[in-house]
Amino acid sequence: MPSIPLPPKEEPLETHRSESQGLVQRLKRTEEQFGDLKDSVAQLVRMLTKANREAHRRAEQTSAGNSQDNTPEPNQLNELKSRNVKLQREVEWHRDVELSLLITMRDVRAACQAKSEFLANMSHELRTPLNAIIGFAEIMESELVGPLGSPQYVGYAKDVRESGQYLLELINYILDLSKIEAGQLEANLEEVDLRKTVDICLRMMTDQASEAGLTIELDAIEDVPAIRSNARMLRQIILNLMSNAIKFTPNGGRVDVEISFDGATGSIALFVKDTGIGIAQADIARVIPPFEQVESVQGDLNRGTGLGLPIAKSIVELLGGEFRITSDLDHGTTVECCSPSSTMTTSPPTRLRQFFCDLLRF
């Protein structure tokens, strides 16, 4: 019987992860340097203006004194001229550095765009054969066309199906992330029943919670008002948060989904709470960037892809809401998604897209 070749290692994916992280860090450093440079140039311009005014004032005083006693002050004038020339040279130097930073930021933006396009194309190419693998594995696992001959084969088919589903989930995450970064994910707003959407997501996640030995419940009022949102994106937010809570909650724990409505302000908040391993206060900021993972107390790397929370946060902000995380180590995590009002009608761009829009105005 021929041996089954082992699947190749996912080195390209790790490479693109590190490249993506490097580009984002480089963009952040460039943005910080650019802000500092703008402040320095503004300060130098103020100093130059002040020096020019002082030079004119002293020149007028010198001219008035010369008209009275014809006694020039060459030392003072030479000092002012020298200081003026020095400031002008510093301003020119800072302008050259500013231009260099703008060129660097343009190159980083082009690299990010190329990376996003590559990931999107790669994801589309992989999804079609992967769906076929998952479908045939499900047929073999259920023995739909006949017995496989050995119970071990059923277990192998199950492993193939689960691995394929995990890889498909990762590809879908990468595809969504690349669309968000490229500014191609648009929110077509419509009237959405939030309570009904949460009920649908709960039914979808019930089996996964039961297999993990968890209790999952909904706490919400019956007459939750409809909101202006996108139904598909809203489901993805809820499913991402619930899936993340289930992954990091040990057997015997619970996941609660709550909906609160403030009648005075018209704001609606969705909470996903778990009794899982939690996140240390110092590590909360680390779980937001893509592909970031935090080591648990036991030292084992978390089982997530590092994309669920970043995508959920980006979509919430795209829909005009706010995204907050509160957590304590060994005491669970609470994620809050809050809409400004139940009748929101705008969908502001993400911070990344807004940053590039600001950049193009220079």
Protein backbone atom coordinates (compact mmCIF):
# COMPACT_ATOMS: atom_id res chain seq x y z
CA MET A 1 0.00 0.00 0.00
CA PRO A 2 1.56 3.37 -1.01
CA SER A 3 2.38 5.73 1.79
CA ILE A 4 0.40 8.92 2.09
CA PRO A 5 2.65 11.96 1.71
CA LEU A 6 2.62 14.37 4.56
CA PRO A 7 1.22 17.84 3.85
CA PRO A 8 3.86 20.50 3.34
CA LYS A 9 4.64 22.84 6.16
CA GLU A 10 2.86 26.19 6.10
CA GLU A 11 6.05 28.20 5.82
CA PRO A 12 4.64 30.69 3.27
CA LEU A 13 1.82 31.62 5.66
CA GLU A 14 4.27 32.23 8.53
CA THR A 15 6.39 34.28 6.18
CA HIS A 16 3.47 36.47 5.21
CA ARG A 17 2.46 36.80 8.85
CA SER A 18 5.89 38.12 9.77
CA GLU A 19 5.94 40.39 6.70
CA SER A 20 2.51 41.76 7.60
CA GLN A 21 3.58 42.42 11.19
CA GLY A 22 6.78 44.07 10.00
CA LEU A 23 4.91 46.34 7.62
CA VAL A 24 2.43 47.38 10.28
CA GLN A 25 5.21 48.11 12.79
CA ARG A 26 7.14 50.05 10.17
CA LEU A 27 4.03 52.06 9.32
CA LYS A 28 3.46 52.87 13.00
CA ARG A 29 7.08 54.00 13.47
CA THR A 30 6.89 56.11 10.31
CA GLU A 31 3.66 57.72 11.47
CA GLU A 32 5.20 58.57 14.85
CA GLN A 33 8.33 60.00 13.23
CA PHE A 34 6.20 61.99 10.82
CA GLY A 35 4.20 63.51 13.70
CA ASP A 36 7.38 64.41 15.57
CA LEU A 37 8.84 65.92 12.42
CA LYS A 38 5.78 68.10 11.81
CA ASP A 39 6.04 69.43 15.37
CA SER A 40 9.75 70.14 14.92
CA VAL A 41 9.21 71.96 11.62
CA ALA A 42 6.40 74.02 13.12
CA GLN A 43 8.64 74.96 16.05
CA LEU A 44 11.48 75.93 13.73
CA VAL A 45 9.16 78.06 11.61
CA ARG A 46 7.99 79.86 14.74
CA MET A 47 11.59 80.43 15.84
CA LEU A 48 12.51 81.70 12.37
CA THR A 49 9.56 84.08 12.31
CA LYS A 50 10.45 85.36 15.75
CA ALA A 51 14.10 85.83 14.74
CA ASN A 52 13.10 87.74 11.61
CA ARG A 53 10.85 90.02 13.61
CA GLU A 54 13.62 90.61 16.14
CA ALA A 55 16.06 91.35 13.32
CA HIS A 56 13.70 93.88 11.76
CA ARG A 57 13.06 95.49 15.12
CA ARG A 58 16.76 95.81 15.90
CA ALA A 59 17.48 97.02 12.39
CA GLU A 60 14.89 99.74 12.83
CA GLN A 61 16.39 100.66 16.20
CA THR A 62 19.88 100.71 14.66
CA SER A 63 18.67 102.83 11.77
CA ALA A 64 17.05 105.28 14.19
CA GLY A 65 20.25 105.43 16.27
CA ASN A 66 22.38 105.95 13.17
CA SER A 67 20.22 108.84 12.13
CA GLN A 68 20.95 110.45 15.51
CA ASP A 69 24.60 109.69 16.20
CA ASN A 70 25.67 107.74 13.00
CA THR A 71 27.03 104.85 15.20
CA PRO A 72 26.42 101.40 13.54
CA GLU A 73 26.12 98.08 15.46
CA PRO A 74 27.69 95.50 13.12
CA ASN A 75 28.16 92.80 15.75
CA GLN A 76 24.46 92.54 16.54
CA LEU A 77 23.45 92.52 12.88
CA ASN A 78 26.00 89.83 12.02
CA GLU A 79 24.77 87.68 14.93
CA LEU A 80 21.16 87.96 13.79
CA LYS A 81 22.08 87.17 10.18
CA SER A 82 24.09 84.12 11.26
CA ARG A 83 21.21 82.87 13.42
CA ASN A 84 18.75 83.42 10.57
CA VAL A 85 20.90 81.43 8.12
CA LYS A 86 21.27 78.60 10.64
CA LEU A 87 17.52 78.38 11.19
CA GLN A 88 16.85 78.38 7.46
CA ARG A 89 19.27 75.50 6.98
CA GLU A 90 17.58 73.52 9.76
CA VAL A 91 14.17 74.11 8.20
CA GLU A 92 15.43 72.90 4.82
CA TRP A 93 16.94 69.80 6.43
CA HIS A 94 13.70 68.97 8.21
CA ARG A 95 11.75 69.44 4.99
CA ASP A 96 14.06 66.95 3.26
CA VAL A 97 13.51 64.47 6.07
CA GLU A 98 9.74 65.06 5.87
CA LEU A 99 9.78 64.33 2.14
CA SER A 100 11.79 61.16 2.76
CA LEU A 101 9.24 60.01 5.37
CA LEU A 102 6.36 60.69 2.99
CA ILE A 103 8.05 58.58 0.32
CA THR A 104 8.60 55.79 2.87
CA MET A 105 4.97 55.91 3.94
CA ARG A 106 3.89 55.73 0.31
CA ASP A 107 6.09 52.65 -0.21
CA VAL A 108 4.70 51.02 2.93
CA ARG A 109 1.16 51.68 1.76
CA ALA A 110 1.95 50.13 -1.64
CA ALA A 111 3.49 47.08 0.07
CA CYS A 112 0.43 46.66 2.30
CA GLN A 113 -1.83 46.90 -0.74
CA ALA A 114 0.21 44.30 -2.64
CA LYS A 115 0.19 42.00 0.39
CA SER A 116 -3.60 42.32 0.76
CA GLU A 117 -4.17 41.60 -2.93
CA PHE A 118 -1.89 38.56 -2.79
CA LEU A 119 -3.68 37.17 0.27
CA ALA A 120 -7.08 37.72 -1.33
CA ASN A 121 -6.06 35.94 -4.55
CA MET A 122 -4.39 33.11 -2.66
CA SER A 123 -7.46 32.63 -0.45
CA HIS A 124 -9.80 32.42 -3.45
CA GLU A 125 -7.58 29.84 -5.12
CA LEU A 126 -7.45 27.65 -2.00
CA ARG A 127 -11.12 27.73 -1.03
CA THR A 128 -12.45 25.76 -4.02
CA PRO A 129 -10.31 22.59 -3.63
CA LEU A 130 -10.57 22.82 0.15
CA ASN A 131 -14.37 22.75 0.01
CA ALA A 132 -14.15 19.58 -2.11
CA ILE A 133 -11.80 17.96 0.43
CA ILE A 134 -14.17 18.79 3.28
CA GLY A 135 -17.19 17.50 1.36
CA PHE A 136 -15.60 14.15 0.46
CA ALA A 137 -14.30 13.74 4.02
CA GLU A 138 -17.85 14.23 5.35
CA ILE A 139 -19.15 11.57 2.93
CA MET A 140 -16.47 9.12 4.05
CA GLU A 141 -17.01 9.91 7.74
CA SER A 142 -20.77 9.26 7.48
CA GLU A 143 -20.15 6.17 5.24
CA LEU A 144 -22.83 7.48 2.92
CA VAL A 145 -21.91 5.20 -0.02
CA GLY A 146 -20.93 2.19 2.11
CA PRO A 147 -18.67 1.05 4.98
CA LEU A 148 -15.00 1.96 4.85
CA GLY A 149 -13.89 -1.41 6.18
CA SER A 150 -12.30 -0.25 9.44
CA PRO A 151 -13.44 2.08 12.24
CA GLN A 152 -10.03 3.75 12.12
CA TYR A 153 -10.77 5.07 8.64
CA VAL A 154 -13.83 6.87 10.01
CA GLY A 155 -11.61 8.56 12.57
CA TYR A 156 -9.13 9.52 9.86
CA ALA A 157 -11.94 11.00 7.76
CA LYS A 158 -13.10 13.00 10.78
CA ASP A 159 -9.58 14.36 11.30
CA VAL A 160 -9.37 15.35 7.63
CA ARG A 161 -12.74 17.13 7.83
CA GLU A 162 -11.89 19.01 11.03
CA SER A 163 -8.47 20.04 9.73
CA GLY A 164 -10.01 21.20 6.46
CA GLN A 165 -12.66 23.22 8.28
CA TYR A 166 -10.02 24.85 10.45
CA LEU A 167 -7.93 25.75 7.40
CA LEU A 168 -11.01 27.07 5.58
CA GLU A 169 -11.87 29.21 8.60
CA LEU A 170 -8.33 30.60 8.62
CA ILE A 171 -8.49 31.36 4.89
CA ASN A 172 -11.83 33.13 5.30
CA TYR A 173 -10.35 35.19 8.13
CA ILE A 174 -7.36 36.17 6.00
CA LEU A 175 -9.64 37.08 3.10
CA ASP A 176 -11.79 39.29 5.31
CA LEU A 177 -8.72 40.89 6.87
CA SER A 178 -7.21 41.68 3.47
CA LYS A 179 -10.49 43.27 2.36
CA ILE A 180 -10.62 45.41 5.49
CA GLU A 181 -7.02 46.57 5.11
CA ALA A 182 -7.56 47.34 1.40
CA GLY A 183 -10.73 49.31 2.20
CA GLN A 184 -12.83 46.98 0.02
CA LEU A 185 -15.22 45.84 2.74
CA GLU A 186 -18.29 48.04 2.44
CA ALA A 187 -21.16 48.15 4.91
CA ASN A 188 -24.53 48.15 3.12
CA LEU A 189 -26.77 49.18 5.99
CA GLU A 190 -30.25 47.77 6.45
CA GLU A 191 -32.72 47.26 9.24
CA VAL A 192 -31.59 44.27 11.32
CA ASP A 193 -33.33 42.45 14.18
CA LEU A 194 -30.48 42.11 16.69
CA ARG A 195 -32.34 39.70 19.00
CA LYS A 196 -33.18 37.36 16.11
CA THR A 197 -29.60 37.51 14.81
CA VAL A 198 -28.20 36.58 18.23
CA ASP A 199 -30.69 33.69 18.51
CA ILE A 200 -29.52 32.31 15.16
CA CYS A 201 -25.86 32.53 16.23
CA LEU A 202 -26.66 30.79 19.53
CA ARG A 203 -28.25 27.86 17.71
CA MET A 204 -25.22 27.63 15.42
CA MET A 205 -22.78 27.55 18.36
CA THR A 206 -24.77 25.27 20.69
CA ASP A 207 -23.18 22.03 19.46
CA GLN A 208 -19.67 23.45 19.69
CA ALA A 209 -20.35 24.62 23.25
CA SER A 210 -21.81 21.23 24.21
CA GLU A 211 -18.78 19.38 22.84
CA ALA A 212 -16.55 21.65 24.96
CA GLY A 213 -18.67 20.98 28.06
CA LEU A 214 -19.84 24.59 28.33
CA THR A 215 -23.13 26.29 29.07
CA ILE A 216 -24.16 29.08 26.71
CA GLU A 217 -27.11 31.38 27.44
CA LEU A 218 -28.72 34.61 26.22
CA ASP A 219 -29.87 37.41 28.52
CA ALA A 220 -31.85 40.05 26.62
CA ILE A 221 -35.18 41.81 26.66
CA GLU A 222 -37.80 40.60 24.22
CA ASP A 223 -38.48 43.92 22.48
CA VAL A 224 -34.96 44.85 21.41
CA PRO A 225 -35.36 47.59 18.79
CA ALA A 226 -34.08 47.06 15.27
CA ILE A 227 -30.78 48.69 14.35
CA ARG A 228 -29.28 50.04 11.15
CA SER A 229 -26.51 47.57 10.42
CA ASN A 230 -25.38 44.81 8.08
CA ALA A 231 -26.87 41.39 8.88
CA ARG A 232 -23.98 39.31 7.51
CA MET A 233 -21.32 41.41 9.24
CA LEU A 234 -23.28 41.41 12.48
CA ARG A 235 -23.48 37.61 12.42
CA GLN A 236 -19.75 37.39 11.79
CA ILE A 237 -19.03 39.64 14.77
CA ILE A 238 -21.20 37.57 17.10
CA LEU A 239 -19.91 34.22 15.82
CA ASN A 240 -16.28 35.35 16.09
CA LEU A 241 -16.74 36.50 19.68
CA MET A 242 -18.69 33.41 20.74
CA SER A 243 -16.22 31.07 19.05
CA ASN A 244 -13.33 32.86 20.72
CA ALA A 245 -15.02 32.60 24.13
CA ILE A 246 -15.67 28.88 23.68
CA LYS A 247 -12.07 28.17 22.61
CA PHE A 248 -10.57 29.71 25.72
CA THR A 249 -13.04 28.54 28.34
CA PRO A 250 -12.26 25.21 30.04
CA ASN A 251 -14.73 22.37 30.54
CA GLY A 252 -17.52 23.26 32.97
CA GLY A 253 -17.43 26.97 32.24
CA ARG A 254 -20.09 29.18 30.72
CA VAL A 255 -20.52 31.77 27.99
CA ASP A 256 -23.19 34.45 28.35
CA VAL A 257 -24.47 36.76 25.64
CA GLU A 258 -26.24 39.90 26.85
CA ILE A 259 -28.06 42.70 25.04
CA SER A 260 -28.72 46.00 26.80
CA PHE A 261 -30.75 48.94 25.52
CA ASP A 262 -30.62 52.50 26.85
CA GLY A 263 -33.95 54.10 26.07
CA ALA A 264 -32.69 57.58 26.98
CA THR A 265 -29.79 57.63 24.50
CA GLY A 266 -31.02 54.95 22.08
CA SER A 267 -27.73 53.04 22.31
CA ILE A 268 -27.57 49.25 22.18
CA ALA A 269 -24.70 47.19 23.62
CA LEU A 270 -23.88 43.53 23.00
CA PHE A 271 -21.79 41.71 25.62
CA VAL A 272 -20.10 38.32 25.22
CA LYS A 273 -18.84 37.10 28.60
CA ASP A 274 -16.97 33.92 29.48
CA THR A 275 -15.44 32.30 32.54
CA GLY A 276 -12.31 31.24 30.69
CA ILE A 277 -8.58 31.70 31.24
CA GLY A 278 -8.79 35.46 30.81
CA ILE A 279 -6.12 37.92 29.71
CA ALA A 280 -3.65 39.81 31.84
CA GLN A 281 -4.15 43.58 31.86
CA ALA A 282 -0.76 44.12 30.24
CA ASP A 283 -1.64 41.73 27.39
CA ILE A 284 -5.08 43.09 26.42
CA ALA A 285 -3.57 45.48 23.86
CA ARG A 286 -1.62 42.59 22.31
CA VAL A 287 -4.69 40.56 21.28
CA ILE A 288 -6.00 43.30 18.96
CA PRO A 289 -3.32 43.32 16.19
CA PRO A 290 -3.73 40.54 13.57
CA PHE A 291 -2.00 37.18 14.19
CA GLU A 292 -1.09 38.15 17.76
CA GLN A 293 -1.48 35.40 20.36
CA VAL A 294 -0.87 35.47 24.09
CA GLU A 295 0.56 32.62 26.09
CA SER A 296 -1.72 31.18 28.73
CA VAL A 297 -0.81 30.57 32.36
CA GLN A 298 0.19 26.99 31.55
CA GLY A 299 2.62 28.23 28.89
CA ASP A 300 0.64 26.66 26.03
CA LEU A 301 0.02 28.79 23.00
CA ASN A 302 -3.62 29.67 22.55
CA ARG A 303 -5.47 27.61 20.02
CA GLY A 304 -6.86 30.54 18.03
CA THR A 305 -5.66 31.98 14.74
CA GLY A 306 -5.15 35.45 16.18
CA LEU A 307 -7.64 36.94 13.70
CA GLY A 308 -11.07 36.62 15.34
CA LEU A 309 -10.87 39.66 17.62
CA PRO A 310 -9.08 41.97 15.12
CA ILE A 311 -11.68 41.26 12.44
CA ALA A 312 -14.58 41.70 14.88
CA LYS A 313 -13.14 45.02 16.09
CA SER A 314 -12.60 46.30 12.53
CA ILE A 315 -16.15 45.39 11.48
CA VAL A 316 -17.66 46.98 14.59
CA GLU A 317 -15.81 50.23 13.85
CA LEU A 318 -16.79 50.00 10.17
CA LEU A 319 -20.43 49.84 11.26
CA GLY A 320 -19.95 52.92 13.44
CA GLY A 321 -19.76 51.19 16.84
CA GLU A 322 -17.24 50.89 19.64
CA PHE A 323 -15.29 47.78 20.68
CA ARG A 324 -14.03 47.22 24.24
CA ILE A 325 -12.32 44.34 26.05
CA THR A 326 -12.15 43.88 29.81
CA SER A 327 -10.49 40.85 31.33
CA ASP A 328 -8.62 39.47 34.32
CA LEU A 329 -6.29 36.50 34.29
CA ASP A 330 -8.12 33.33 35.43
CA HIS A 331 -11.39 35.28 35.80
CA GLY A 332 -12.75 35.36 32.25
CA THR A 333 -13.17 37.99 29.56
CA THR A 334 -15.95 40.39 28.56
CA VAL A 335 -16.16 41.88 25.08
CA GLU A 336 -18.54 44.80 24.54
CA CYS A 337 -19.79 46.01 21.16
CA CYS A 338 -21.72 49.25 21.51
CA SER A 339 -23.61 51.15 18.81
CA PRO A 340 -23.99 54.91 19.24
CA SER A 341 -27.76 54.68 18.70
CA SER A 342 -30.39 52.23 17.52
CA THR A 343 -30.93 54.25 14.35
CA MET A 344 -27.35 54.86 13.23
CA THR A 345 -27.23 55.79 9.55
CA THR A 346 -23.52 56.29 8.86
CA SER A 347 -20.64 53.90 8.57
CA PRO A 348 -17.37 55.78 9.08
CA PRO A 349 -14.20 54.35 7.58
CA THR A 350 -11.80 52.28 9.59
CA ARG A 351 -8.87 53.98 11.28
CA LEU A 352 -6.43 52.55 8.79
CA ARG A 353 -8.38 53.86 5.79
CA GLN A 354 -8.84 57.25 7.52
CA PHE A 355 -5.07 57.45 8.14
CA PHE A 356 -4.34 56.93 4.44
CA CYS A 357 -7.01 59.48 3.49
CA ASP A 358 -5.27 61.99 5.77
CA LEU A 359 -1.93 61.06 4.23
CA LEU A 360 -3.14 61.78 0.69
CA ARG A 361 -4.08 65.30 1.68
CA PHE A 362 -0.42 66.27 2.21
